[in-house]
Structure formats: structure tokens, C-alpha cells
């Protein structure tokens, strides 16, 4: 039995030294499953033309502020500066945060931002779009069914992002290049 425990311990020690695997796989999984999802969602929010990034589509307001948009008769011109600013910044975030996560640039901060984004997205889906009234949208933990959109699916999204917050981007990242360059720069000594 002691030999078996020693083998197990040796394998565990090797896995502990392979600390780079988890964040690298988390970024790969994010790129493979969520990058396209968020970019496609953001693209539906862009207005027409080159300056569409500053002029959200009507669908953007319907997605982000469903009740407020309905209250003004689906006329985005009646919504205020706050609604415009949140919609534009949310659209930009949906493009930028996934991009920098995949590149491994400021990964911990971008992952925190993405966690906040997903929380707001989930609350909007539940309370703005009425998903809370549909048990299949909210889902339930410990129910044998892993198909709930919010609790099950987005729970796994959050786990991948929490790994990146805790572990960083891993060795194949722009963060690693930046940290290496910062560490190699030594301050010039001042004459005394």
C-alpha cells in the first residue's frame, strides 16, 4: 500500500509543477467556446456604418434595457445619455474583454471584467427579459440536469474566468512577455 501512495504522491508532485497547464487550457476553452459567442452578440449591437460603434442598433437597446426600451415605445431616441453610454460601453466590452483574454493581455483584470459582464448579462436575462419565470432558463444546481442557461452553463463560464483571475494567463501570453520585459528593465542609478 505504501508503494501505491508513493506513486500517487510522485504523480501529484509532477502535476503541481505543471502549473501552466490550467490557465493555458482555460484560455483555450474560452477562445474555443465563448469568443465567437461574445463577438457575434456584440456585432448585433453595432449601428450602421463606420461609426456604428458609437451609434448602437435598436436591438442593442432591446437586449440591454428591454423594459426601458419598451416603456419608450421602442424609440431609442427617447432614451437618455445613461442608456447610450451603458449600451456603447457594454458593446465595446463584449468585443475587447474576450479579445484581451484570448491574447493573454492584462488577463486577471480582463477576466474580472468578464465576470462582471456575465453577472450583469445574467441578471438582465433573468429580470429584464423575464427568464426568472422559466425554470429552464435559471436552471437548478444538484438536479441531475446540466442544461440550465444561468446556473449551469454560466457557472462553468465563471469557473474558467476564476481560474484566469487566480492563476493568470500562463506562459503563452502577452502578460508573460510584458512581465519579462518589466523584470529586465533596471532603473538607471542616479548620481549622488
N, C-alpha and C. Protein backbone atom coordinates (compact mmCIF):
# COMPACT_ATOMS: atom_id res chain seq x y z
N UNK A 1 0.83 -1.20 0.00
CA UNK A 1 0.00 0.00 0.00
C UNK A 1 0.87 1.26 0.00
N UNK A 2 2.00 1.19 0.72
CA UNK A 2 2.90 2.33 0.78
C UNK A 2 3.44 2.67 -0.60
N UNK A 3 3.74 1.67 -1.40
CA UNK A 3 4.26 1.91 -2.76
C UNK A 3 3.22 2.63 -3.61
N UNK A 4 1.97 2.25 -3.47
CA UNK A 4 0.89 2.89 -4.22
C UNK A 4 0.75 4.36 -3.82
N UNK A 5 0.84 4.63 -2.55
CA UNK A 5 0.75 6.01 -2.07
C UNK A 5 1.95 6.82 -2.57
N UNK A 6 3.12 6.23 -2.60
CA UNK A 6 4.30 6.94 -3.09
C UNK A 6 4.18 7.26 -4.58
N UNK A 7 3.65 6.31 -5.35
CA UNK A 7 3.43 6.55 -6.78
C UNK A 7 2.43 7.69 -6.96
N UNK A 8 1.34 7.63 -6.20
CA UNK A 8 0.33 8.69 -6.26
C UNK A 8 0.94 10.04 -5.92
N UNK A 9 1.74 10.10 -4.86
CA UNK A 9 2.38 11.34 -4.44
C UNK A 9 3.35 11.86 -5.49
N UNK A 10 4.09 10.98 -6.14
CA UNK A 10 5.03 11.38 -7.19
C UNK A 10 4.28 11.99 -8.38
N UNK A 11 3.18 11.38 -8.75
CA UNK A 11 2.36 11.91 -9.85
C UNK A 11 1.79 13.27 -9.45
N UNK A 12 1.30 13.38 -8.23
CA UNK A 12 0.73 14.65 -7.76
C UNK A 12 1.78 15.76 -7.76
N UNK A 13 2.99 15.45 -7.37
CA UNK A 13 4.06 16.46 -7.37
C UNK A 13 4.37 16.92 -8.79
N UNK A 14 4.38 16.01 -9.75
CA UNK A 14 4.61 16.40 -11.15
C UNK A 14 3.49 17.30 -11.65
N UNK A 15 2.27 16.96 -11.30
CA UNK A 15 1.13 17.80 -11.71
C UNK A 15 1.21 19.18 -11.07
N UNK A 16 1.65 19.27 -9.85
CA UNK A 16 1.80 20.56 -9.19
C UNK A 16 2.83 21.44 -9.91
N UNK A 17 3.86 20.82 -10.46
CA UNK A 17 4.88 21.58 -11.19
C UNK A 17 4.39 22.03 -12.56
N UNK A 18 3.34 21.41 -13.08
CA UNK A 18 2.78 21.76 -14.38
C UNK A 18 1.68 22.82 -14.20
N UNK A 19 1.98 23.83 -13.40
CA UNK A 19 1.01 24.87 -13.06
C UNK A 19 0.56 25.69 -14.27
N UNK A 20 1.32 25.66 -15.34
CA UNK A 20 1.00 26.43 -16.53
C UNK A 20 -0.16 25.83 -17.34
N UNK A 21 -0.47 24.55 -17.13
CA UNK A 21 -1.46 23.86 -17.95
C UNK A 21 -2.86 24.44 -17.73
N UNK A 22 -3.25 24.63 -16.48
CA UNK A 22 -4.62 25.06 -16.18
C UNK A 22 -4.97 26.41 -16.79
N UNK A 23 -4.17 27.48 -16.60
CA UNK A 23 -4.56 28.74 -17.23
C UNK A 23 -4.50 28.70 -18.75
N UNK A 24 -3.56 27.94 -19.29
CA UNK A 24 -3.48 27.84 -20.75
C UNK A 24 -4.72 27.15 -21.30
N UNK A 25 -5.15 26.08 -20.67
CA UNK A 25 -6.36 25.39 -21.11
C UNK A 25 -7.61 26.24 -20.88
N UNK A 26 -7.65 27.02 -19.81
CA UNK A 26 -8.81 27.88 -19.55
C UNK A 26 -8.94 28.93 -20.66
N UNK A 27 -7.81 29.52 -21.08
CA UNK A 27 -7.86 30.50 -22.18
C UNK A 27 -8.23 29.84 -23.50
N UNK A 28 -7.70 28.64 -23.73
CA UNK A 28 -8.06 27.91 -24.95
C UNK A 28 -9.56 27.61 -24.97
N UNK A 29 -10.09 27.11 -23.86
CA UNK A 29 -11.52 26.79 -23.77
C UNK A 29 -12.36 28.05 -23.98
N UNK A 30 -11.93 29.16 -23.38
CA UNK A 30 -12.65 30.43 -23.55
C UNK A 30 -12.67 30.81 -25.03
N UNK A 31 -11.50 30.72 -25.69
CA UNK A 31 -11.42 31.07 -27.12
C UNK A 31 -12.28 30.14 -27.97
N UNK A 32 -12.23 28.85 -27.67
CA UNK A 32 -12.94 27.86 -28.47
C UNK A 32 -14.45 27.92 -28.30
N UNK A 33 -14.92 28.30 -27.13
CA UNK A 33 -16.36 28.23 -26.89
C UNK A 33 -17.05 29.58 -26.70
N UNK A 34 -16.35 30.59 -26.23
CA UNK A 34 -17.04 31.85 -25.89
C UNK A 34 -16.62 33.06 -26.72
N UNK A 35 -15.44 33.07 -27.29
CA UNK A 35 -15.01 34.22 -28.08
C UNK A 35 -16.00 34.53 -29.20
N UNK A 36 -16.33 33.53 -30.00
CA UNK A 36 -17.28 33.72 -31.10
C UNK A 36 -18.66 34.12 -30.61
N UNK A 37 -19.08 33.55 -29.50
CA UNK A 37 -20.39 33.88 -28.92
C UNK A 37 -20.47 35.37 -28.57
N UNK A 38 -19.45 35.86 -27.85
CA UNK A 38 -19.49 37.27 -27.43
C UNK A 38 -19.31 38.21 -28.61
N UNK A 39 -18.44 37.88 -29.56
CA UNK A 39 -18.27 38.75 -30.73
C UNK A 39 -19.55 38.81 -31.56
N UNK A 40 -20.20 37.68 -31.76
CA UNK A 40 -21.45 37.66 -32.52
C UNK A 40 -22.52 38.49 -31.81
N UNK A 41 -22.57 38.36 -30.49
CA UNK A 41 -23.54 39.14 -29.72
C UNK A 41 -23.24 40.63 -29.83
N UNK A 42 -21.97 41.00 -29.73
CA UNK A 42 -21.59 42.41 -29.84
C UNK A 42 -21.90 42.95 -31.23
N UNK A 43 -21.69 42.15 -32.25
CA UNK A 43 -21.95 42.60 -33.63
C UNK A 43 -23.41 42.96 -33.84
N UNK A 44 -24.33 42.29 -33.13
CA UNK A 44 -25.75 42.61 -33.27
C UNK A 44 -26.08 43.97 -32.66
N UNK A 45 -25.18 44.48 -31.85
CA UNK A 45 -25.43 45.75 -31.17
C UNK A 45 -24.87 46.96 -31.92
N UNK A 46 -24.08 46.72 -32.95
CA UNK A 46 -23.47 47.82 -33.70
C UNK A 46 -24.50 48.49 -34.60
N UNK A 47 -24.40 49.82 -34.66
CA UNK A 47 -25.24 50.56 -35.59
C UNK A 47 -24.65 50.48 -36.99
N UNK A 48 -25.27 51.21 -37.91
CA UNK A 48 -24.84 51.18 -39.31
C UNK A 48 -23.60 52.03 -39.53
N UNK A 49 -22.80 51.63 -40.50
CA UNK A 49 -21.66 52.42 -40.95
C UNK A 49 -20.44 52.32 -40.06
N UNK A 50 -19.45 53.13 -40.43
CA UNK A 50 -18.17 53.14 -39.73
C UNK A 50 -18.33 53.57 -38.28
N UNK A 51 -19.22 54.48 -38.04
CA UNK A 51 -19.41 55.00 -36.69
C UNK A 51 -20.48 54.24 -35.91
N UNK A 52 -20.79 53.03 -36.36
CA UNK A 52 -21.77 52.20 -35.68
C UNK A 52 -21.37 51.82 -34.26
N UNK A 53 -20.06 51.92 -33.97
CA UNK A 53 -19.61 51.63 -32.60
C UNK A 53 -20.05 52.71 -31.63
N UNK A 54 -20.43 53.87 -32.16
CA UNK A 54 -20.91 54.97 -31.32
C UNK A 54 -22.42 55.15 -31.41
N UNK A 55 -23.05 54.42 -32.32
CA UNK A 55 -24.48 54.54 -32.55
C UNK A 55 -25.10 53.15 -32.50
N UNK A 56 -25.47 52.70 -31.30
CA UNK A 56 -25.97 51.32 -31.16
C UNK A 56 -27.22 51.05 -31.97
N UNK A 57 -27.38 49.81 -32.36
CA UNK A 57 -28.59 49.39 -33.07
C UNK A 57 -29.77 49.40 -32.11
N UNK A 58 -30.97 49.38 -32.67
CA UNK A 58 -32.14 49.31 -31.80
C UNK A 58 -32.15 47.98 -31.04
N UNK A 59 -31.63 46.95 -31.67
CA UNK A 59 -31.53 45.66 -30.99
C UNK A 59 -30.65 45.70 -29.75
N UNK A 60 -29.65 46.59 -29.77
CA UNK A 60 -28.76 46.72 -28.61
C UNK A 60 -29.55 47.21 -27.40
N UNK A 61 -30.39 48.21 -27.63
CA UNK A 61 -31.20 48.72 -26.52
C UNK A 61 -32.22 47.67 -26.06
N UNK A 62 -32.76 46.93 -27.02
CA UNK A 62 -33.72 45.88 -26.67
C UNK A 62 -33.07 44.78 -25.85
N UNK A 63 -31.80 44.48 -26.13
CA UNK A 63 -31.09 43.44 -25.39
C UNK A 63 -30.67 43.91 -24.00
N UNK A 64 -30.18 45.14 -23.90
CA UNK A 64 -29.58 45.61 -22.66
C UNK A 64 -30.61 46.26 -21.72
N UNK A 65 -31.54 47.01 -22.28
CA UNK A 65 -32.57 47.69 -21.49
C UNK A 65 -33.97 47.32 -21.99
N UNK A 66 -34.36 46.07 -21.90
CA UNK A 66 -35.62 45.66 -22.51
C UNK A 66 -36.85 46.38 -21.96
N UNK A 67 -36.92 46.58 -20.68
CA UNK A 67 -38.12 47.21 -20.10
C UNK A 67 -38.14 48.72 -20.37
N UNK A 68 -36.98 49.36 -20.26
CA UNK A 68 -36.92 50.80 -20.54
C UNK A 68 -37.20 51.07 -22.01
N UNK A 69 -36.70 50.21 -22.88
CA UNK A 69 -36.91 50.37 -24.32
C UNK A 69 -38.38 50.19 -24.67
N UNK A 70 -39.02 49.23 -24.04
CA UNK A 70 -40.46 49.01 -24.26
C UNK A 70 -41.26 50.21 -23.73
N UNK A 71 -40.83 50.76 -22.59
CA UNK A 71 -41.55 51.88 -21.98
C UNK A 71 -41.55 53.13 -22.86
N UNK A 72 -40.54 53.29 -23.72
CA UNK A 72 -40.50 54.46 -24.60
C UNK A 72 -40.99 54.10 -26.00
N UNK A 73 -41.74 53.03 -26.11
CA UNK A 73 -42.32 52.65 -27.39
C UNK A 73 -41.30 52.20 -28.42
N UNK A 74 -40.20 51.64 -27.96
CA UNK A 74 -39.12 51.14 -28.82
C UNK A 74 -38.50 52.24 -29.68
N UNK A 75 -38.48 53.45 -29.13
CA UNK A 75 -37.84 54.59 -29.79
C UNK A 75 -36.58 54.93 -29.01
N UNK A 76 -35.42 54.51 -29.53
CA UNK A 76 -34.17 54.72 -28.80
C UNK A 76 -33.84 56.20 -28.63
N UNK A 77 -34.39 57.05 -29.46
CA UNK A 77 -34.18 58.49 -29.33
C UNK A 77 -34.74 59.05 -28.04
N UNK A 78 -35.66 58.34 -27.42
CA UNK A 78 -36.24 58.81 -26.16
C UNK A 78 -35.46 58.34 -24.94
N UNK A 79 -34.48 57.50 -25.16
CA UNK A 79 -33.64 57.07 -24.04
C UNK A 79 -32.54 58.10 -23.83
N UNK A 80 -32.03 58.18 -22.62
CA UNK A 80 -31.07 59.21 -22.27
C UNK A 80 -29.61 58.83 -22.49
N UNK A 81 -28.75 59.75 -22.07
CA UNK A 81 -27.30 59.58 -22.18
C UNK A 81 -26.84 58.35 -21.41
N UNK A 82 -27.43 58.10 -20.27
CA UNK A 82 -27.06 56.92 -19.47
C UNK A 82 -27.25 55.64 -20.28
N UNK A 83 -28.41 55.49 -20.90
CA UNK A 83 -28.71 54.29 -21.68
C UNK A 83 -27.73 54.16 -22.85
N UNK A 84 -27.42 55.25 -23.51
CA UNK A 84 -26.47 55.23 -24.62
C UNK A 84 -25.09 54.82 -24.11
N UNK A 85 -24.63 55.43 -23.02
CA UNK A 85 -23.28 55.15 -22.51
C UNK A 85 -23.15 53.69 -22.07
N UNK A 86 -24.14 53.16 -21.39
CA UNK A 86 -24.09 51.77 -20.95
C UNK A 86 -24.11 50.83 -22.16
N UNK A 87 -24.93 51.13 -23.13
CA UNK A 87 -25.04 50.29 -24.32
C UNK A 87 -23.75 50.30 -25.13
N UNK A 88 -23.18 51.47 -25.34
CA UNK A 88 -21.93 51.56 -26.09
C UNK A 88 -20.78 50.89 -25.33
N UNK A 89 -20.66 51.17 -24.04
CA UNK A 89 -19.56 50.57 -23.28
C UNK A 89 -19.74 49.06 -23.16
N UNK A 90 -20.96 48.60 -23.03
CA UNK A 90 -21.22 47.16 -22.99
C UNK A 90 -20.85 46.48 -24.30
N UNK A 91 -21.15 47.14 -25.40
CA UNK A 91 -20.80 46.60 -26.72
C UNK A 91 -19.29 46.53 -26.88
N UNK A 92 -18.61 47.60 -26.52
CA UNK A 92 -17.14 47.60 -26.60
C UNK A 92 -16.55 46.51 -25.71
N UNK A 93 -17.09 46.39 -24.50
CA UNK A 93 -16.60 45.38 -23.56
C UNK A 93 -16.77 43.98 -24.13
N UNK A 94 -17.86 43.76 -24.85
CA UNK A 94 -18.13 42.45 -25.42
C UNK A 94 -17.15 42.10 -26.54
N UNK A 95 -16.58 43.10 -27.18
CA UNK A 95 -15.51 42.87 -28.16
C UNK A 95 -14.13 42.80 -27.49
N UNK A 96 -13.85 43.77 -26.63
CA UNK A 96 -12.50 43.94 -26.10
C UNK A 96 -12.11 42.92 -25.03
N UNK A 97 -12.95 42.69 -24.05
CA UNK A 97 -12.58 41.78 -22.96
C UNK A 97 -12.27 40.37 -23.44
N UNK A 98 -13.12 39.76 -24.28
CA UNK A 98 -12.76 38.43 -24.78
C UNK A 98 -11.46 38.44 -25.60
N UNK A 99 -11.24 39.50 -26.35
CA UNK A 99 -10.03 39.58 -27.17
C UNK A 99 -8.78 39.59 -26.31
N UNK A 100 -8.76 40.43 -25.28
CA UNK A 100 -7.55 40.51 -24.45
C UNK A 100 -7.37 39.26 -23.60
N UNK A 101 -8.46 38.59 -23.25
CA UNK A 101 -8.33 37.31 -22.54
C UNK A 101 -7.66 36.28 -23.44
N UNK A 102 -8.11 36.18 -24.67
CA UNK A 102 -7.52 35.21 -25.59
C UNK A 102 -6.06 35.54 -25.87
N UNK A 103 -5.73 36.81 -25.98
CA UNK A 103 -4.34 37.21 -26.20
C UNK A 103 -3.50 37.06 -24.93
N UNK A 104 -4.15 36.99 -23.80
CA UNK A 104 -3.43 36.89 -22.53
C UNK A 104 -2.83 38.23 -22.14
N UNK A 105 -3.57 39.30 -22.35
CA UNK A 105 -3.11 40.65 -22.04
C UNK A 105 -3.94 41.20 -20.88
N UNK A 106 -3.29 41.56 -19.78
CA UNK A 106 -3.99 42.02 -18.57
C UNK A 106 -5.11 41.02 -18.23
N UNK A 107 -4.77 39.76 -18.25
CA UNK A 107 -5.74 38.67 -18.18
C UNK A 107 -6.54 38.67 -16.89
N UNK A 108 -5.89 38.90 -15.78
CA UNK A 108 -6.62 38.87 -14.50
C UNK A 108 -7.67 39.97 -14.46
N UNK A 109 -7.29 41.16 -14.86
CA UNK A 109 -8.23 42.28 -14.86
C UNK A 109 -9.34 42.07 -15.89
N UNK A 110 -8.98 41.61 -17.09
CA UNK A 110 -9.98 41.36 -18.12
C UNK A 110 -10.95 40.25 -17.69
N UNK A 111 -10.44 39.23 -17.01
CA UNK A 111 -11.30 38.15 -16.53
C UNK A 111 -12.26 38.64 -15.46
N UNK A 112 -11.78 39.52 -14.58
CA UNK A 112 -12.69 40.13 -13.59
C UNK A 112 -13.78 40.93 -14.30
N UNK A 113 -13.38 41.69 -15.31
CA UNK A 113 -14.36 42.45 -16.09
C UNK A 113 -15.37 41.55 -16.76
N UNK A 114 -14.92 40.42 -17.29
CA UNK A 114 -15.80 39.47 -17.95
C UNK A 114 -16.76 38.83 -16.95
N UNK A 115 -16.27 38.56 -15.74
CA UNK A 115 -17.15 38.02 -14.69
C UNK A 115 -18.25 39.03 -14.39
N UNK A 116 -17.89 40.29 -14.23
CA UNK A 116 -18.90 41.33 -14.00
C UNK A 116 -19.88 41.42 -15.16
N UNK A 117 -19.35 41.34 -16.37
CA UNK A 117 -20.20 41.39 -17.57
C UNK A 117 -21.21 40.25 -17.56
N UNK A 118 -20.75 39.05 -17.25
CA UNK A 118 -21.64 37.87 -17.25
C UNK A 118 -22.68 37.97 -16.15
N UNK A 119 -22.31 38.53 -15.00
CA UNK A 119 -23.29 38.73 -13.92
C UNK A 119 -24.39 39.68 -14.39
N UNK A 120 -24.00 40.80 -14.99
CA UNK A 120 -24.99 41.77 -15.48
C UNK A 120 -25.83 41.14 -16.60
N UNK A 121 -25.18 40.43 -17.51
CA UNK A 121 -25.88 39.74 -18.60
C UNK A 121 -26.92 38.77 -18.03
N UNK A 122 -26.54 38.01 -17.03
CA UNK A 122 -27.44 37.02 -16.44
C UNK A 122 -28.61 37.68 -15.73
N UNK A 123 -28.33 38.74 -14.97
CA UNK A 123 -29.42 39.46 -14.29
C UNK A 123 -30.38 40.09 -15.30
N UNK A 124 -29.84 40.61 -16.40
CA UNK A 124 -30.70 41.16 -17.45
C UNK A 124 -31.56 40.06 -18.07
N UNK A 125 -30.96 38.91 -18.34
CA UNK A 125 -31.73 37.80 -18.89
C UNK A 125 -32.83 37.34 -17.94
N UNK A 126 -32.52 37.31 -16.65
CA UNK A 126 -33.49 36.83 -15.68
C UNK A 126 -34.60 37.84 -15.41
N UNK A 127 -34.22 39.09 -15.14
CA UNK A 127 -35.21 40.07 -14.70
C UNK A 127 -35.67 41.01 -15.81
N UNK A 128 -34.80 41.35 -16.73
CA UNK A 128 -35.19 42.23 -17.83
C UNK A 128 -35.98 41.51 -18.91
N UNK A 129 -35.56 40.29 -19.21
CA UNK A 129 -36.22 39.52 -20.27
C UNK A 129 -37.18 38.47 -19.72
N UNK A 130 -37.35 38.41 -18.40
CA UNK A 130 -38.33 37.51 -17.80
C UNK A 130 -37.89 36.06 -17.67
N UNK A 131 -36.60 35.79 -17.79
CA UNK A 131 -36.11 34.42 -17.68
C UNK A 131 -36.33 33.81 -16.32
N UNK A 132 -36.47 34.64 -15.29
CA UNK A 132 -36.68 34.13 -13.93
C UNK A 132 -37.99 33.35 -13.84
N UNK A 133 -38.91 33.63 -14.74
CA UNK A 133 -40.21 32.95 -14.73
C UNK A 133 -40.16 31.59 -15.42
N UNK A 134 -39.01 31.27 -16.02
CA UNK A 134 -38.86 30.00 -16.74
C UNK A 134 -37.75 29.19 -16.07
N UNK A 135 -38.13 28.13 -15.41
CA UNK A 135 -37.16 27.36 -14.63
C UNK A 135 -36.02 26.81 -15.49
N UNK A 136 -36.29 26.55 -16.77
CA UNK A 136 -35.23 26.03 -17.63
C UNK A 136 -34.17 27.09 -17.94
N UNK A 137 -34.51 28.36 -17.84
CA UNK A 137 -33.53 29.42 -18.06
C UNK A 137 -32.62 29.55 -16.85
N UNK A 138 -33.21 29.66 -15.68
CA UNK A 138 -32.42 29.77 -14.46
C UNK A 138 -31.68 28.47 -14.18
N UNK A 139 -32.37 27.35 -14.32
CA UNK A 139 -31.78 26.06 -14.00
C UNK A 139 -31.77 25.85 -12.50
N UNK A 140 -31.17 24.77 -12.10
CA UNK A 140 -31.06 24.46 -10.67
C UNK A 140 -29.83 23.60 -10.47
N UNK A 141 -29.13 23.85 -9.41
CA UNK A 141 -27.98 23.02 -9.09
C UNK A 141 -28.45 21.76 -8.38
N UNK A 142 -27.67 20.71 -8.50
CA UNK A 142 -27.93 19.43 -7.84
C UNK A 142 -29.25 18.80 -8.29
N UNK A 143 -29.63 19.01 -9.56
CA UNK A 143 -30.90 18.50 -10.06
C UNK A 143 -30.73 17.41 -11.13
N UNK A 144 -29.53 16.93 -11.37
CA UNK A 144 -29.22 15.92 -12.38
C UNK A 144 -29.25 16.45 -13.80
N UNK A 145 -29.68 17.68 -14.04
CA UNK A 145 -29.82 18.22 -15.39
C UNK A 145 -28.83 19.38 -15.56
N UNK A 146 -27.81 19.23 -16.40
CA UNK A 146 -26.79 20.27 -16.55
C UNK A 146 -27.09 21.29 -17.64
N UNK A 147 -28.37 21.53 -17.92
CA UNK A 147 -28.70 22.35 -19.08
C UNK A 147 -29.30 23.71 -18.75
N UNK A 148 -29.28 24.13 -17.50
CA UNK A 148 -29.79 25.46 -17.16
C UNK A 148 -28.87 26.53 -17.71
N UNK A 149 -29.43 27.52 -18.36
CA UNK A 149 -28.63 28.56 -19.02
C UNK A 149 -27.83 29.37 -18.01
N UNK A 150 -28.44 29.76 -16.92
CA UNK A 150 -27.77 30.65 -15.98
C UNK A 150 -26.92 29.88 -14.98
N UNK A 151 -27.53 29.08 -14.14
CA UNK A 151 -26.77 28.43 -13.07
C UNK A 151 -25.78 27.39 -13.59
N UNK A 152 -26.16 26.60 -14.56
CA UNK A 152 -25.27 25.55 -15.04
C UNK A 152 -24.26 26.09 -16.05
N UNK A 153 -24.74 26.56 -17.16
CA UNK A 153 -23.87 26.99 -18.25
C UNK A 153 -22.96 28.14 -17.83
N UNK A 154 -23.53 29.17 -17.31
CA UNK A 154 -22.72 30.34 -16.96
C UNK A 154 -21.87 30.09 -15.72
N UNK A 155 -22.25 29.10 -14.93
CA UNK A 155 -21.39 28.69 -13.82
C UNK A 155 -20.05 28.17 -14.33
N UNK A 156 -20.09 27.38 -15.40
CA UNK A 156 -18.84 26.90 -16.00
C UNK A 156 -18.05 28.04 -16.64
N UNK A 157 -18.75 28.99 -17.25
CA UNK A 157 -18.05 30.17 -17.81
C UNK A 157 -17.27 30.86 -16.69
N UNK A 158 -17.95 31.05 -15.56
CA UNK A 158 -17.34 31.75 -14.43
C UNK A 158 -16.14 30.98 -13.89
N UNK A 159 -16.25 29.67 -13.84
CA UNK A 159 -15.14 28.86 -13.34
C UNK A 159 -13.89 29.06 -14.19
N UNK A 160 -14.03 29.04 -15.50
CA UNK A 160 -12.88 29.26 -16.37
C UNK A 160 -12.28 30.64 -16.12
N UNK A 161 -13.13 31.64 -15.92
CA UNK A 161 -12.64 33.00 -15.69
C UNK A 161 -12.00 33.14 -14.30
N UNK A 162 -12.55 32.46 -13.31
CA UNK A 162 -11.96 32.49 -11.97
C UNK A 162 -10.58 31.85 -11.99
N UNK A 163 -10.40 30.79 -12.76
CA UNK A 163 -9.08 30.18 -12.92
C UNK A 163 -8.10 31.23 -13.44
N UNK A 164 -8.52 32.02 -14.43
CA UNK A 164 -7.64 33.05 -15.00
C UNK A 164 -7.36 34.18 -14.01
N UNK A 165 -8.34 34.53 -13.20
CA UNK A 165 -8.11 35.55 -12.17
C UNK A 165 -7.09 35.04 -11.17
N UNK A 166 -7.22 33.79 -10.76
CA UNK A 166 -6.36 33.22 -9.72
C UNK A 166 -4.97 32.85 -10.23
N UNK A 167 -4.89 32.30 -11.44
CA UNK A 167 -3.64 31.76 -11.96
C UNK A 167 -2.94 32.66 -12.98
N UNK A 168 -3.65 33.63 -13.53
CA UNK A 168 -3.07 34.44 -14.59
C UNK A 168 -3.23 33.75 -15.93
N UNK A 169 -2.53 34.25 -16.93
CA UNK A 169 -2.73 33.79 -18.31
C UNK A 169 -1.92 32.57 -18.69
N UNK A 170 -0.87 32.28 -17.95
CA UNK A 170 0.01 31.18 -18.33
C UNK A 170 1.16 31.66 -19.20
N UNK A 171 2.02 30.75 -19.62
CA UNK A 171 3.25 31.14 -20.31
C UNK A 171 3.06 31.62 -21.75
N UNK A 172 2.02 31.18 -22.43
CA UNK A 172 1.79 31.58 -23.81
C UNK A 172 0.87 32.79 -23.84
N UNK A 173 1.40 33.92 -23.40
CA UNK A 173 0.55 35.10 -23.26
C UNK A 173 1.35 36.38 -23.40
N UNK A 174 0.65 37.44 -23.70
CA UNK A 174 1.29 38.76 -23.74
C UNK A 174 1.64 39.23 -22.33
N UNK A 175 0.87 38.80 -21.35
CA UNK A 175 1.21 39.13 -19.96
C UNK A 175 2.61 38.65 -19.62
N UNK A 176 2.93 37.44 -20.02
CA UNK A 176 4.25 36.87 -19.72
C UNK A 176 5.34 37.71 -20.39
N UNK A 177 5.10 38.13 -21.64
CA UNK A 177 6.08 38.97 -22.33
C UNK A 177 6.26 40.31 -21.63
N UNK A 178 5.14 40.90 -21.22
CA UNK A 178 5.22 42.19 -20.52
C UNK A 178 5.96 42.07 -19.21
N UNK A 179 5.64 41.03 -18.44
CA UNK A 179 6.30 40.84 -17.15
C UNK A 179 7.79 40.55 -17.33
N UNK A 180 8.14 39.81 -18.35
CA UNK A 180 9.54 39.53 -18.62
C UNK A 180 10.28 40.82 -18.97
N UNK A 181 9.66 41.66 -19.79
CA UNK A 181 10.29 42.93 -20.18
C UNK A 181 10.40 43.89 -19.00
N UNK A 182 9.38 43.92 -18.15
CA UNK A 182 9.42 44.79 -16.97
C UNK A 182 10.51 44.32 -16.02
N UNK A 183 10.63 43.01 -15.84
CA UNK A 183 11.64 42.48 -14.93
C UNK A 183 13.05 42.73 -15.45
N UNK A 184 13.21 42.80 -16.77
CA UNK A 184 14.56 43.00 -17.32
C UNK A 184 14.97 44.47 -17.34
N UNK A 185 14.03 45.37 -17.17
CA UNK A 185 14.36 46.79 -17.15
C UNK A 185 14.81 47.17 -15.74
N UNK A 186 16.01 47.64 -15.65
CA UNK A 186 16.54 48.05 -14.35
C UNK A 186 16.58 49.57 -14.31
N UNK A 187 16.20 50.13 -13.20
CA UNK A 187 16.23 51.59 -13.11
C UNK A 187 17.67 52.12 -13.24
N UNK A 188 17.78 53.24 -13.92
CA UNK A 188 19.08 53.89 -14.07
C UNK A 188 19.44 54.51 -12.73
N UNK A 189 20.65 54.21 -12.26
CA UNK A 189 21.03 54.75 -10.95
C UNK A 189 21.32 56.24 -11.09
N UNK A 190 20.89 56.96 -10.10
CA UNK A 190 21.07 58.41 -10.06
C UNK A 190 22.43 58.76 -9.48
N UNK A 191 23.10 59.77 -10.06
CA UNK A 191 24.37 60.21 -9.45
C UNK A 191 24.11 60.80 -8.08
N UNK A 192 25.03 60.53 -7.18
CA UNK A 192 24.85 61.05 -5.81
C UNK A 192 25.76 62.21 -5.53
